[in-house]
Amino acid sequence: MTGFTADVFGKFLQSTIFDPWKIVPLFLCAQYTTAGSEIVQQYPQLLGALKVLLPLAVGRRLNAWLSRRAVNNGVSDKYDWSREVIVLTGGSNGIGKQIADRFGARGIKVAILDIQPPTEQLPQSVHFHQCDITSPSAIAAAAKDIRATLGEPTILINNAGVMSGRTLLNSTEAQTRLIFEVNTMSHYWLSREFLPSMIANNHGMVVTVASHAGYTTTPNMVDYSATKAASIAFHEGISVELATRYKAPRVRTVLVTPGFAQTTLIKDLTPEDSWIGPLLHPETVADQMVEQVLTGQSGHVNLPGSAGWIARCMRASPLWFQCAIRKRLERRVRAVF
């Protein structure tokens, strides 16, 4: 994601006219200083604009604080990165590889679970375990090795994903089952293996990588979109279960919903680039994910933010708008057979 995009423009607005640390002093200056009063007399519309921007800026910051407090159950926790152990699925290539490299550069212990071995040398603290994550028994065997060599995992990153890029009737039974097994069912098998110790210690984190496709279904991606919608529901469900059923409010949950990224996952697709929904670089997604994990807090990584905001609003939109957006997306995503 490079160049001048909607996200770049949005960040500019957030750091200027929607930043309360800038708007509040300007408002107070305009109201209570001689110099400010003189400027307002010369430009009377300025005070009116500040009166509109002030509650918007303060409200935006208050909303962010309330959301952050809510998703973290109002409790804090500390992470000792010399002792944490990360399990990362799909870490041999694409976004997963970038994530592993970034944690490895910090000396954080990472266990990659992937069916494909990495093609490049891994950082010293990153270890590869060949594992079919669709098999609970294979996961259990890999977990035994991880515990013996690295220790008890405290962070699970469900990153692995596959896509066929085919229409409903052009997909085989094997393809459809594989997509659901990798993209959805593996989250359950992995969580059942690694969550119990996190719950017992009231410490840990589960990162779920979904997609904008989980909010908006497009042609040639019906199966993929269905699995990502399930991933979003999985994230929301375990977030509340951890706090209410398992009494482990300090176990964090992070949802990641990227748009199209330039990885092997979309090698058979030609998604159109756009100002609102630009193609993402794997490095961009990895940077944001690693930054969120290192905060030790629950949260939502949504890239690109503008396109993600539209996608999240889809379900609350009028049907005519939903239909228009899906048809627009059809022109963005065209499969190459």
C-alpha atoms as a PDB file:
ATOM      1  CA  MET A   1       0.000   0.000   0.000  1.00  0.00           C
ATOM      2  CA  THR A   2       1.874   3.010  -1.303  1.00  0.00           C
ATOM      3  CA  GLY A   3       1.090   6.493  -2.566  1.00  0.00           C
ATOM      4  CA  PHE A   4      -1.709   8.834  -1.605  1.00  0.00           C
ATOM      5  CA  THR A   5      -4.664   6.688  -0.509  1.00  0.00           C
ATOM      6  CA  ALA A   6      -7.829   7.186   1.512  1.00  0.00           C
ATOM      7  CA  ASP A   7      -6.008   5.850   4.579  1.00  0.00           C
ATOM      8  CA  VAL A   8      -3.223   8.402   4.191  1.00  0.00           C
ATOM      9  CA  PHE A   9      -5.785  11.189   3.910  1.00  0.00           C
ATOM     10  CA  GLY A  10      -7.708   9.817   6.892  1.00  0.00           C
ATOM     11  CA  LYS A  11      -4.597   9.694   9.078  1.00  0.00           C
ATOM     12  CA  PHE A  12      -3.843  13.292   8.111  1.00  0.00           C
ATOM     13  CA  LEU A  13      -7.310  14.357   9.286  1.00  0.00           C
ATOM     14  CA  GLN A  14      -6.985  12.354  12.510  1.00  0.00           C
ATOM     15  CA  SER A  15      -3.677  14.020  13.317  1.00  0.00           C
ATOM     16  CA  THR A  16      -4.959  17.528  12.559  1.00  0.00           C
ATOM     17  CA  ILE A  17      -8.602  18.636  12.714  1.00  0.00           C
ATOM     18  CA  PHE A  18      -9.772  15.523  14.594  1.00  0.00           C
ATOM     19  CA  ASP A  19      -6.964  15.586  17.159  1.00  0.00           C
ATOM     20  CA  PRO A  20      -8.328  16.974  20.456  1.00  0.00           C
ATOM     21  CA  TRP A  21      -4.815  17.969  21.549  1.00  0.00           C
ATOM     22  CA  LYS A  22      -4.831  20.436  18.659  1.00  0.00           C
ATOM     23  CA  ILE A  23      -8.498  21.445  18.518  1.00  0.00           C
ATOM     24  CA  VAL A  24      -9.019  22.106  22.256  1.00  0.00           C
ATOM     25  CA  PRO A  25      -6.162  24.657  22.538  1.00  0.00           C
ATOM     26  CA  LEU A  26      -7.358  26.379  19.362  1.00  0.00           C
ATOM     27  CA  PHE A  27     -10.902  26.572  20.713  1.00  0.00           C
ATOM     28  CA  LEU A  28      -9.758  27.957  24.079  1.00  0.00           C
ATOM     29  CA  CYS A  29      -7.496  30.450  22.341  1.00  0.00           C
ATOM     30  CA  ALA A  30     -10.344  31.626  20.110  1.00  0.00           C
ATOM     31  CA  GLN A  31     -12.675  31.994  23.096  1.00  0.00           C
ATOM     32  CA  TYR A  32     -10.489  33.401  25.836  1.00  0.00           C
ATOM     33  CA  THR A  33      -7.502  35.261  24.382  1.00  0.00           C
ATOM     34  CA  THR A  34      -7.303  38.711  22.864  1.00  0.00           C
ATOM     35  CA  ALA A  35      -5.444  37.494  19.797  1.00  0.00           C
ATOM     36  CA  GLY A  36      -7.972  34.708  19.313  1.00  0.00           C
ATOM     37  CA  SER A  37     -10.907  37.079  19.634  1.00  0.00           C
ATOM     38  CA  GLU A  38      -9.411  39.349  16.998  1.00  0.00           C
ATOM     39  CA  ILE A  39      -9.002  36.454  14.578  1.00  0.00           C
ATOM     40  CA  VAL A  40     -12.579  35.290  15.220  1.00  0.00           C
ATOM     41  CA  GLN A  41     -13.900  38.793  14.579  1.00  0.00           C
ATOM     42  CA  GLN A  42     -12.080  38.789  11.261  1.00  0.00           C
ATOM     43  CA  TYR A  43     -13.097  35.218  10.394  1.00  0.00           C
ATOM     44  CA  PRO A  44     -16.370  34.558  12.292  1.00  0.00           C
ATOM     45  CA  GLN A  45     -16.890  31.198  10.579  1.00  0.00           C
ATOM     46  CA  LEU A  46     -13.729  29.909  12.273  1.00  0.00           C
ATOM     47  CA  LEU A  47     -15.348  29.708  15.716  1.00  0.00           C
ATOM     48  CA  GLY A  48     -18.335  27.868  14.267  1.00  0.00           C
ATOM     49  CA  ALA A  49     -16.027  25.322  12.653  1.00  0.00           C
ATOM     50  CA  LEU A  50     -14.165  24.808  15.930  1.00  0.00           C
ATOM     51  CA  LYS A  51     -17.459  24.267  17.778  1.00  0.00           C
ATOM     52  CA  VAL A  52     -18.275  21.471  15.327  1.00  0.00           C
ATOM     53  CA  LEU A  53     -14.802  19.905  15.329  1.00  0.00           C
ATOM     54  CA  LEU A  54     -14.345  19.990  19.112  1.00  0.00           C
ATOM     55  CA  PRO A  55     -17.009  17.400  20.056  1.00  0.00           C
ATOM     56  CA  LEU A  56     -16.051  15.253  17.057  1.00  0.00           C
ATOM     57  CA  ALA A  57     -12.386  15.207  18.051  1.00  0.00           C
ATOM     58  CA  VAL A  58     -13.066  14.577  21.740  1.00  0.00           C
ATOM     59  CA  GLY A  59     -15.739  12.007  20.908  1.00  0.00           C
ATOM     60  CA  ARG A  60     -13.387  10.108  18.598  1.00  0.00           C
ATOM     61  CA  ARG A  61     -10.710   9.909  21.270  1.00  0.00           C
ATOM     62  CA  LEU A  62     -13.238   8.936  23.969  1.00  0.00           C
ATOM     63  CA  ASN A  63     -14.696   6.242  21.715  1.00  0.00           C
ATOM     64  CA  ALA A  64     -11.234   4.773  21.123  1.00  0.00           C
ATOM     65  CA  TRP A  65     -10.521   4.724  24.875  1.00  0.00           C
ATOM     66  CA  LEU A  66     -13.846   3.071  25.717  1.00  0.00           C
ATOM     67  CA  SER A  67     -13.374   0.465  22.983  1.00  0.00           C
ATOM     68  CA  ARG A  68      -9.843  -0.330  24.110  1.00  0.00           C
ATOM     69  CA  ARG A  69     -10.978  -0.703  27.718  1.00  0.00           C
ATOM     70  CA  ALA A  70     -13.958  -2.868  26.746  1.00  0.00           C
ATOM     71  CA  VAL A  71     -12.061  -5.365  24.585  1.00  0.00           C
ATOM     72  CA  ASN A  72      -9.433  -5.715  27.328  1.00  0.00           C
ATOM     73  CA  ASN A  73     -12.112  -6.336  29.977  1.00  0.00           C
ATOM     74  CA  GLY A  74     -10.891  -3.358  31.991  1.00  0.00           C
ATOM     75  CA  VAL A  75      -7.803  -5.229  33.218  1.00  0.00           C
ATOM     76  CA  SER A  76      -4.117  -4.896  32.385  1.00  0.00           C
ATOM     77  CA  ASP A  77      -1.431  -7.532  31.961  1.00  0.00           C
ATOM     78  CA  LYS A  78       2.334  -7.619  31.469  1.00  0.00           C
ATOM     79  CA  TYR A  79       4.300  -9.581  28.890  1.00  0.00           C
ATOM     80  CA  ASP A  80       7.881 -10.752  29.332  1.00  0.00           C
ATOM     81  CA  TRP A  81       9.013 -11.185  25.734  1.00  0.00           C
ATOM     82  CA  SER A  82      12.058 -13.188  26.772  1.00  0.00           C
ATOM     83  CA  ARG A  83       9.685 -15.874  28.065  1.00  0.00           C
ATOM     84  CA  GLU A  84       6.683 -15.706  25.727  1.00  0.00           C
ATOM     85  CA  VAL A  85       6.313 -18.459  23.124  1.00  0.00           C
ATOM     86  CA  ILE A  86       4.409 -17.778  19.908  1.00  0.00           C
ATOM     87  CA  VAL A  87       2.752 -20.448  17.766  1.00  0.00           C
ATOM     88  CA  LEU A  88       2.297 -19.136  14.229  1.00  0.00           C
ATOM     89  CA  THR A  89       0.458 -21.050  11.521  1.00  0.00           C
ATOM     90  CA  GLY A  90       1.313 -20.488   7.873  1.00  0.00           C
ATOM     91  CA  GLY A  91       4.634 -18.880   8.699  1.00  0.00           C
ATOM     92  CA  SER A  92       6.704 -20.258   5.831  1.00  0.00           C
ATOM     93  CA  ASN A  93       5.714 -17.630   3.276  1.00  0.00           C
ATOM     94  CA  GLY A  94       3.667 -14.499   2.667  1.00  0.00           C
ATOM     95  CA  ILE A  95       2.447 -12.465   5.611  1.00  0.00           C
ATOM     96  CA  GLY A  96       3.286 -15.272   8.028  1.00  0.00           C
ATOM     97  CA  LYS A  97       6.951 -15.259   7.031  1.00  0.00           C
ATOM     98  CA  GLN A  98       7.116 -11.499   7.522  1.00  0.00           C
ATOM     99  CA  ILE A  99       5.576 -11.901  10.986  1.00  0.00           C
ATOM    100  CA  ALA A 100       8.075 -14.618  11.933  1.00  0.00           C
ATOM    101  CA  ASP A 101      10.999 -12.501  10.730  1.00  0.00           C
ATOM    102  CA  ARG A 102       9.881  -9.511  12.796  1.00  0.00           C
ATOM    103  CA  PHE A 103       9.462 -11.487  15.995  1.00  0.00           C
ATOM    104  CA  GLY A 104      12.713 -13.307  15.285  1.00  0.00           C
ATOM    105  CA  ALA A 105      14.559 -10.006  14.887  1.00  0.00           C
ATOM    106  CA  ARG A 106      13.518  -9.227  18.469  1.00  0.00           C
ATOM    107  CA  GLY A 107      14.677 -12.597  19.740  1.00  0.00           C
ATOM    108  CA  ILE A 108      11.127 -13.718  20.572  1.00  0.00           C
ATOM    109  CA  LYS A 109      10.573 -17.474  20.429  1.00  0.00           C
ATOM    110  CA  VAL A 110       8.338 -18.544  17.538  1.00  0.00           C
ATOM    111  CA  ALA A 111       7.161 -21.995  16.485  1.00  0.00           C
ATOM    112  CA  ILE A 112       5.949 -22.076  12.877  1.00  0.00           C
ATOM    113  CA  LEU A 113       3.339 -24.698  12.033  1.00  0.00           C
ATOM    114  CA  ASP A 114       3.122 -25.173   8.275  1.00  0.00           C
ATOM    115  CA  ILE A 115       2.774 -27.998   5.782  1.00  0.00           C
ATOM    116  CA  GLN A 116       5.329 -26.301   3.517  1.00  0.00           C
ATOM    117  CA  PRO A 117       8.906 -25.837   4.768  1.00  0.00           C
ATOM    118  CA  PRO A 118      10.377 -22.317   4.644  1.00  0.00           C
ATOM    119  CA  THR A 119      12.466 -21.462   1.597  1.00  0.00           C
ATOM    120  CA  GLU A 120      14.827 -19.131   3.471  1.00  0.00           C
ATOM    121  CA  GLN A 121      16.894 -19.447   6.623  1.00  0.00           C
ATOM    122  CA  LEU A 122      14.922 -18.629   9.761  1.00  0.00           C
ATOM    123  CA  PRO A 123      16.045 -16.303  12.558  1.00  0.00           C
ATOM    124  CA  GLN A 124      17.705 -18.091  15.468  1.00  0.00           C
ATOM    125  CA  SER A 125      14.658 -17.882  17.753  1.00  0.00           C
ATOM    126  CA  VAL A 126      12.224 -19.111  15.079  1.00  0.00           C
ATOM    127  CA  HIS A 127      11.649 -22.859  14.723  1.00  0.00           C
ATOM    128  CA  PHE A 128       9.796 -24.748  12.003  1.00  0.00           C
ATOM    129  CA  HIS A 129       7.490 -27.678  12.736  1.00  0.00           C
ATOM    130  CA  GLN A 130       6.004 -29.396   9.713  1.00  0.00           C
ATOM    131  CA  CYS A 131       2.377 -29.908  10.638  1.00  0.00           C
ATOM    132  CA  ASP A 132      -0.973 -30.494   8.991  1.00  0.00           C
ATOM    133  CA  ILE A 133      -3.085 -28.052  10.994  1.00  0.00           C
ATOM    134  CA  THR A 134      -6.286 -29.717   9.768  1.00  0.00           C
ATOM    135  CA  SER A 135      -5.379 -32.766  11.886  1.00  0.00           C
ATOM    136  CA  PRO A 136      -5.884 -32.562  15.675  1.00  0.00           C
ATOM    137  CA  SER A 137      -3.461 -35.460  16.197  1.00  0.00           C
ATOM    138  CA  ALA A 138      -0.757 -33.737  14.130  1.00  0.00           C
ATOM    139  CA  ILE A 139      -1.294 -30.549  16.134  1.00  0.00           C
ATOM    140  CA  ALA A 140      -0.978 -32.492  19.397  1.00  0.00           C
ATOM    141  CA  ALA A 141       2.294 -34.056  18.232  1.00  0.00           C
ATOM    142  CA  ALA A 142       3.710 -30.670  17.210  1.00  0.00           C
ATOM    143  CA  ALA A 143       2.569 -29.134  20.505  1.00  0.00           C
ATOM    144  CA  LYS A 144       4.455 -31.830  22.424  1.00  0.00           C
ATOM    145  CA  ASP A 145       7.659 -30.967  20.552  1.00  0.00           C
ATOM    146  CA  ILE A 146       7.141 -27.227  21.083  1.00  0.00           C
ATOM    147  CA  ARG A 147       6.633 -27.635  24.820  1.00  0.00           C
ATOM    148  CA  ALA A 148       9.750 -29.796  25.063  1.00  0.00           C
ATOM    149  CA  THR A 149      11.989 -27.370  23.156  1.00  0.00           C
ATOM    150  CA  LEU A 150      10.566 -23.870  23.678  1.00  0.00           C
ATOM    151  CA  GLY A 151       8.159 -24.102  26.597  1.00  0.00           C
ATOM    152  CA  GLU A 152       4.424 -23.615  26.973  1.00  0.00           C
ATOM    153  CA  PRO A 153       2.995 -21.433  24.156  1.00  0.00           C
ATOM    154  CA  THR A 154       1.403 -18.202  25.356  1.00  0.00           C
ATOM    155  CA  ILE A 155       0.424 -16.656  22.019  1.00  0.00           C
ATOM    156  CA  LEU A 156      -1.428 -18.354  19.167  1.00  0.00           C
ATOM    157  CA  ILE A 157      -1.576 -16.653  15.768  1.00  0.00           C
ATOM    158  CA  ASN A 158      -4.087 -18.333  13.446  1.00  0.00           C
ATOM    159  CA  ASN A 159      -2.638 -16.984  10.212  1.00  0.00           C
ATOM    160  CA  ALA A 160      -2.739 -19.880   7.726  1.00  0.00           C
ATOM    161  CA  GLY A 161      -5.239 -19.599   4.906  1.00  0.00           C
ATOM    162  CA  VAL A 162      -6.017 -20.986   1.460  1.00  0.00           C
ATOM    163  CA  MET A 163      -8.206 -19.826  -1.413  1.00  0.00           C
ATOM    164  CA  SER A 164      -9.390 -21.471  -4.635  1.00  0.00           C
ATOM    165  CA  GLY A 165     -10.668 -18.448  -6.565  1.00  0.00           C
ATOM    166  CA  ARG A 166     -13.392 -20.579  -8.153  1.00  0.00           C
ATOM    167  CA  THR A 167     -17.132 -20.180  -8.413  1.00  0.00           C
ATOM    168  CA  LEU A 168     -19.422 -22.359  -6.313  1.00  0.00           C
ATOM    169  CA  LEU A 169     -20.131 -24.894  -9.085  1.00  0.00           C
ATOM    170  CA  ASN A 170     -16.539 -24.984 -10.324  1.00  0.00           C
ATOM    171  CA  SER A 171     -15.160 -25.954  -6.914  1.00  0.00           C
ATOM    172  CA  THR A 172     -14.611 -29.612  -6.110  1.00  0.00           C
ATOM    173  CA  GLU A 173     -15.662 -31.191  -2.836  1.00  0.00           C
ATOM    174  CA  ALA A 174     -12.010 -31.630  -1.877  1.00  0.00           C
ATOM    175  CA  GLN A 175     -11.248 -27.946  -2.518  1.00  0.00           C
ATOM    176  CA  THR A 176     -14.218 -26.756  -0.485  1.00  0.00           C
ATOM    177  CA  ARG A 177     -13.433 -29.059   2.428  1.00  0.00           C
ATOM    178  CA  LEU A 178      -9.772 -27.997   2.441  1.00  0.00           C
ATOM    179  CA  ILE A 179     -10.662 -24.293   2.562  1.00  0.00           C
ATOM    180  CA  PHE A 180     -12.976 -24.806   5.534  1.00  0.00           C
ATOM    181  CA  GLU A 181     -10.530 -27.138   7.307  1.00  0.00           C
ATOM    182  CA  VAL A 182      -7.585 -24.734   7.003  1.00  0.00           C
ATOM    183  CA  ASN A 183      -9.362 -21.390   7.326  1.00  0.00           C
ATOM    184  CA  THR A 184     -11.924 -22.292   9.992  1.00  0.00           C
ATOM    185  CA  MET A 185     -11.695 -25.689  11.663  1.00  0.00           C
ATOM    186  CA  SER A 186      -7.969 -25.394  12.379  1.00  0.00           C
ATOM    187  CA  HIS A 187      -8.748 -22.441  14.675  1.00  0.00           C
ATOM    188  CA  TYR A 188     -10.806 -24.771  16.853  1.00  0.00           C
ATOM    189  CA  TRP A 189      -8.233 -27.588  16.935  1.00  0.00           C
ATOM    190  CA  LEU A 190      -5.353 -25.219  17.697  1.00  0.00           C
ATOM    191  CA  SER A 191      -7.274 -23.325  20.363  1.00  0.00           C
ATOM    192  CA  ARG A 192      -8.312 -26.538  22.098  1.00  0.00           C
ATOM    193  CA  GLU A 193      -4.642 -27.512  22.249  1.00  0.00           C
ATOM    194  CA  PHE A 194      -3.129 -24.232  23.455  1.00  0.00           C
ATOM    195  CA  LEU A 195      -5.903 -22.288  25.213  1.00  0.00           C
ATOM    196  CA  PRO A 196      -6.190 -24.424  28.389  1.00  0.00           C
ATOM    197  CA  SER A 197      -2.780 -23.337  29.709  1.00  0.00           C
ATOM    198  CA  MET A 198      -3.514 -19.687  28.856  1.00  0.00           C
ATOM    199  CA  ILE A 199      -6.788 -19.915  30.767  1.00  0.00           C
ATOM    200  CA  ALA A 200      -5.117 -21.619  33.728  1.00  0.00           C
ATOM    201  CA  ASN A 201      -2.524 -18.824  33.926  1.00  0.00           C
ATOM    202  CA  ASN A 202      -4.963 -16.050  32.953  1.00  0.00           C
ATOM    203  CA  HIS A 203      -2.310 -14.916  30.490  1.00  0.00           C
ATOM    204  CA  GLY A 204      -1.968 -15.260  26.744  1.00  0.00           C
ATOM    205  CA  MET A 205      -3.265 -14.121  23.403  1.00  0.00           C
ATOM    206  CA  VAL A 206      -5.167 -15.538  20.423  1.00  0.00           C
ATOM    207  CA  VAL A 207      -4.777 -13.707  17.116  1.00  0.00           C
ATOM    208  CA  THR A 208      -7.336 -14.513  14.427  1.00  0.00           C
ATOM    209  CA  VAL A 209      -6.545 -13.517  10.851  1.00  0.00           C
ATOM    210  CA  ALA A 210      -9.801 -13.054   8.958  1.00  0.00           C
ATOM    211  CA  SER A 211     -10.383 -10.729   5.987  1.00  0.00           C
ATOM    212  CA  HIS A 212     -12.559  -7.968   4.587  1.00  0.00           C
ATOM    213  CA  ALA A 213     -14.102 -10.872   2.665  1.00  0.00           C
ATOM    214  CA  GLY A 214     -15.662 -11.957   5.950  1.00  0.00           C
ATOM    215  CA  TYR A 215     -17.832  -8.837   5.791  1.00  0.00           C
ATOM    216  CA  THR A 216     -18.482  -8.678   2.031  1.00  0.00           C
ATOM    217  CA  THR A 217     -18.851 -11.764  -0.153  1.00  0.00           C
ATOM    218  CA  THR A 218     -17.704 -11.555  -3.768  1.00  0.00           C
ATOM    219  CA  PRO A 219     -17.967 -13.873  -6.790  1.00  0.00           C
ATOM    220  CA  ASN A 220     -15.275 -16.563  -7.018  1.00  0.00           C
ATOM    221  CA  MET A 221     -14.766 -16.264  -3.254  1.00  0.00           C
ATOM    222  CA  VAL A 222     -17.993 -17.627  -1.765  1.00  0.00           C
ATOM    223  CA  ASP A 223     -16.248 -20.441   0.120  1.00  0.00           C
ATOM    224  CA  TYR A 224     -13.366 -18.224   1.224  1.00  0.00           C
ATOM    225  CA  SER A 225     -15.697 -15.448   2.393  1.00  0.00           C
ATOM    226  CA  ALA A 226     -17.771 -17.964   4.350  1.00  0.00           C
ATOM    227  CA  THR A 227     -14.678 -19.199   6.199  1.00  0.00           C
ATOM    228  CA  LYS A 228     -13.578 -15.662   7.019  1.00  0.00           C
ATOM    229  CA  ALA A 229     -17.042 -14.730   8.291  1.00  0.00           C
ATOM    230  CA  ALA A 230     -16.753 -17.806  10.513  1.00  0.00           C
ATOM    231  CA  SER A 231     -13.332 -16.607  11.690  1.00  0.00           C
ATOM    232  CA  ILE A 232     -14.790 -13.255  12.731  1.00  0.00           C
ATOM    233  CA  ALA A 233     -17.556 -15.039  14.641  1.00  0.00           C
ATOM    234  CA  PHE A 234     -14.934 -17.322  16.217  1.00  0.00           C
ATOM    235  CA  HIS A 235     -12.951 -14.307  17.431  1.00  0.00           C
ATOM    236  CA  GLU A 236     -16.016 -12.574  18.854  1.00  0.00           C
ATOM    237  CA  GLY A 237     -17.210 -15.762  20.528  1.00  0.00           C
ATOM    238  CA  ILE A 238     -13.985 -16.755  22.262  1.00  0.00           C
ATOM    239  CA  SER A 239     -13.462 -13.144  23.388  1.00  0.00           C
ATOM    240  CA  VAL A 240     -16.614 -13.216  25.482  1.00  0.00           C
ATOM    241  CA  GLU A 241     -16.215 -16.873  26.537  1.00  0.00           C
ATOM    242  CA  LEU A 242     -12.738 -16.213  27.916  1.00  0.00           C
ATOM    243  CA  ALA A 243     -14.037 -13.369  30.068  1.00  0.00           C
ATOM    244  CA  THR A 244     -17.350 -14.851  31.193  1.00  0.00           C
ATOM    245  CA  ARG A 245     -17.170 -18.645  31.007  1.00  0.00           C
ATOM    246  CA  TYR A 246     -13.497 -19.309  31.731  1.00  0.00           C
ATOM    247  CA  LYS A 247     -12.902 -16.305  34.012  1.00  0.00           C
ATOM    248  CA  ALA A 248      -9.684 -15.448  32.163  1.00  0.00           C
ATOM    249  CA  PRO A 249     -10.132 -11.745  31.333  1.00  0.00           C
ATOM    250  CA  ARG A 250      -6.398 -11.230  30.796  1.00  0.00           C
ATOM    251  CA  VAL A 251      -6.222 -13.648  27.872  1.00  0.00           C
ATOM    252  CA  ARG A 252      -6.180 -11.255  24.943  1.00  0.00           C
ATOM    253  CA  THR A 253      -7.867 -11.644  21.566  1.00  0.00           C
ATOM    254  CA  VAL A 254      -6.876  -9.816  18.395  1.00  0.00           C
ATOM    255  CA  LEU A 255      -8.819  -9.752  15.129  1.00  0.00           C
ATOM    256  CA  VAL A 256      -6.991  -8.979  11.875  1.00  0.00           C
ATOM    257  CA  THR A 257      -9.042  -8.103   8.788  1.00  0.00           C
ATOM    258  CA  PRO A 258      -6.839  -7.198   5.827  1.00  0.00           C
ATOM    259  CA  GLY A 259      -7.978  -6.510   2.299  1.00  0.00           C
ATOM    260  CA  PHE A 260      -6.147  -7.969  -0.685  1.00  0.00           C
ATOM    261  CA  ALA A 261      -2.417  -8.399  -0.071  1.00  0.00           C
ATOM    262  CA  GLN A 262       0.215  -9.243  -2.656  1.00  0.00           C
ATOM    263  CA  THR A 263       0.832 -12.841  -1.584  1.00  0.00           C
ATOM    264  CA  THR A 264       0.662 -16.284  -3.181  1.00  0.00           C
ATOM    265  CA  LEU A 265      -2.884 -16.537  -1.811  1.00  0.00           C
ATOM    266  CA  ILE A 266      -4.176 -14.337  -4.656  1.00  0.00           C
ATOM    267  CA  LYS A 267      -1.748 -15.490  -7.340  1.00  0.00           C
ATOM    268  CA  ASP A 268      -4.710 -16.718  -9.433  1.00  0.00           C
ATOM    269  CA  LEU A 269      -6.635 -13.472  -9.035  1.00  0.00           C
ATOM    270  CA  THR A 270      -6.186 -10.011 -10.494  1.00  0.00           C
ATOM    271  CA  PRO A 271      -7.680  -7.632  -7.918  1.00  0.00           C
ATOM    272  CA  GLU A 272      -7.887  -4.067  -9.141  1.00  0.00           C
ATOM    273  CA  ASP A 273      -6.019  -1.454  -7.136  1.00  0.00           C
ATOM    274  CA  SER A 274      -7.990   1.561  -5.916  1.00  0.00           C
ATOM    275  CA  TRP A 275      -7.723   4.715  -3.807  1.00  0.00           C
ATOM    276  CA  ILE A 276     -10.022   3.358  -1.078  1.00  0.00           C
ATOM    277  CA  GLY A 277      -8.915  -0.277  -1.220  1.00  0.00           C
ATOM    278  CA  PRO A 278      -5.292  -0.388  -2.401  1.00  0.00           C
ATOM    279  CA  LEU A 279      -3.377  -3.651  -2.629  1.00  0.00           C
ATOM    280  CA  LEU A 280      -1.455  -4.312   0.565  1.00  0.00           C
ATOM    281  CA  HIS A 281       2.169  -5.351   0.870  1.00  0.00           C
ATOM    282  CA  PRO A 282       2.736  -8.339   3.200  1.00  0.00           C
ATOM    283  CA  GLU A 283       5.227  -6.208   5.117  1.00  0.00           C
ATOM    284  CA  THR A 284       2.543  -3.602   5.859  1.00  0.00           C
ATOM    285  CA  VAL A 285       0.153  -6.175   7.330  1.00  0.00           C
ATOM    286  CA  ALA A 286       2.931  -7.881   9.296  1.00  0.00           C
ATOM    287  CA  ASP A 287       4.130  -4.580  10.758  1.00  0.00           C
ATOM    288  CA  GLN A 288       0.657  -3.731  12.054  1.00  0.00           C
ATOM    289  CA  MET A 289       0.048  -7.232  13.429  1.00  0.00           C
ATOM    290  CA  VAL A 290       3.373  -7.416  15.256  1.00  0.00           C
ATOM    291  CA  GLU A 291       2.888  -3.915  16.647  1.00  0.00           C
ATOM    292  CA  GLN A 292      -0.524  -4.907  18.018  1.00  0.00           C
ATOM    293  CA  VAL A 293       0.757  -8.139  19.580  1.00  0.00           C
ATOM    294  CA  LEU A 294       3.630  -6.299  21.245  1.00  0.00           C
ATOM    295  CA  THR A 295       1.176  -3.963  22.986  1.00  0.00           C
ATOM    296  CA  GLY A 296      -0.067  -6.981  24.930  1.00  0.00           C
ATOM    297  CA  GLN A 297      -3.634  -5.810  24.390  1.00  0.00           C
ATOM    298  CA  SER A 298      -6.715  -7.024  22.583  1.00  0.00           C
ATOM    299  CA  GLY A 299      -7.626  -5.073  19.489  1.00  0.00           C
ATOM    300  CA  HIS A 300      -8.574  -4.986  15.835  1.00  0.00           C
ATOM    301  CA  VAL A 301      -6.077  -4.572  12.992  1.00  0.00           C
ATOM    302  CA  ASN A 302      -8.075  -3.404   9.980  1.00  0.00           C
ATOM    303  CA  LEU A 303      -6.239  -2.696   6.702  1.00  0.00           C
ATOM    304  CA  PRO A 304      -6.856  -0.668   4.628  1.00  0.00           C
ATOM    305  CA  GLY A 305      -8.891   1.175   7.235  1.00  0.00           C
ATOM    306  CA  SER A 306     -11.188   3.045   4.840  1.00  0.00           C
ATOM    307  CA  ALA A 307     -12.175  -0.038   2.850  1.00  0.00           C
ATOM    308  CA  GLY A 308     -12.522  -2.017   6.074  1.00  0.00           C
ATOM    309  CA  TRP A 309     -14.841   0.588   7.557  1.00  0.00           C
ATOM    310  CA  ILE A 310     -17.098   0.359   4.497  1.00  0.00           C
ATOM    311  CA  ALA A 311     -17.028  -3.446   4.664  1.00  0.00           C
ATOM    312  CA  ARG A 312     -17.983  -3.459   8.353  1.00  0.00           C
ATOM    313  CA  CYS A 313     -20.897  -1.102   7.675  1.00  0.00           C
ATOM    314  CA  MET A 314     -22.285  -3.312   4.903  1.00  0.00           C
ATOM    315  CA  ARG A 315     -24.683  -5.312   7.073  1.00  0.00           C
ATOM    316  CA  ALA A 316     -26.293  -2.154   8.435  1.00  0.00           C
ATOM    317  CA  SER A 317     -26.653  -0.612   4.968  1.00  0.00           C
ATOM    318  CA  PRO A 318     -29.767  -0.585   2.763  1.00  0.00           C
ATOM    319  CA  LEU A 319     -30.040  -3.587   0.452  1.00  0.00           C
ATOM    320  CA  TRP A 320     -29.606  -1.441  -2.671  1.00  0.00           C
ATOM    321  CA  PHE A 321     -26.274  -0.199  -1.319  1.00  0.00           C
ATOM    322  CA  GLN A 322     -25.124  -3.727  -0.450  1.00  0.00           C
ATOM    323  CA  CYS A 323     -25.965  -4.934  -3.956  1.00  0.00           C
ATOM    324  CA  ALA A 324     -24.124  -2.014  -5.525  1.00  0.00           C
ATOM    325  CA  ILE A 325     -20.998  -2.654  -3.462  1.00  0.00           C
ATOM    326  CA  ARG A 326     -20.958  -6.385  -4.266  1.00  0.00           C
ATOM    327  CA  LYS A 327     -21.299  -5.667  -7.973  1.00  0.00           C
ATOM    328  CA  ARG A 328     -18.505  -3.135  -7.703  1.00  0.00           C
ATOM    329  CA  LEU A 329     -16.358  -5.751  -5.993  1.00  0.00           C
ATOM    330  CA  GLU A 330     -17.132  -8.184  -8.810  1.00  0.00           C
ATOM    331  CA  ARG A 331     -15.318  -5.836 -11.139  1.00  0.00           C
ATOM    332  CA  ARG A 332     -12.390  -5.641  -8.708  1.00  0.00           C
ATOM    333  CA  VAL A 333     -11.926  -9.397  -8.451  1.00  0.00           C
ATOM    334  CA  ARG A 334     -11.743 -11.399 -11.656  1.00  0.00           C
ATOM    335  CA  ALA A 335     -10.418 -14.953 -11.574  1.00  0.00           C
ATOM    336  CA  VAL A 336      -7.908 -16.087 -14.183  1.00  0.00           C
ATOM    337  CA  PHE A 337      -8.556 -19.697 -15.288  1.00  0.00           C
END
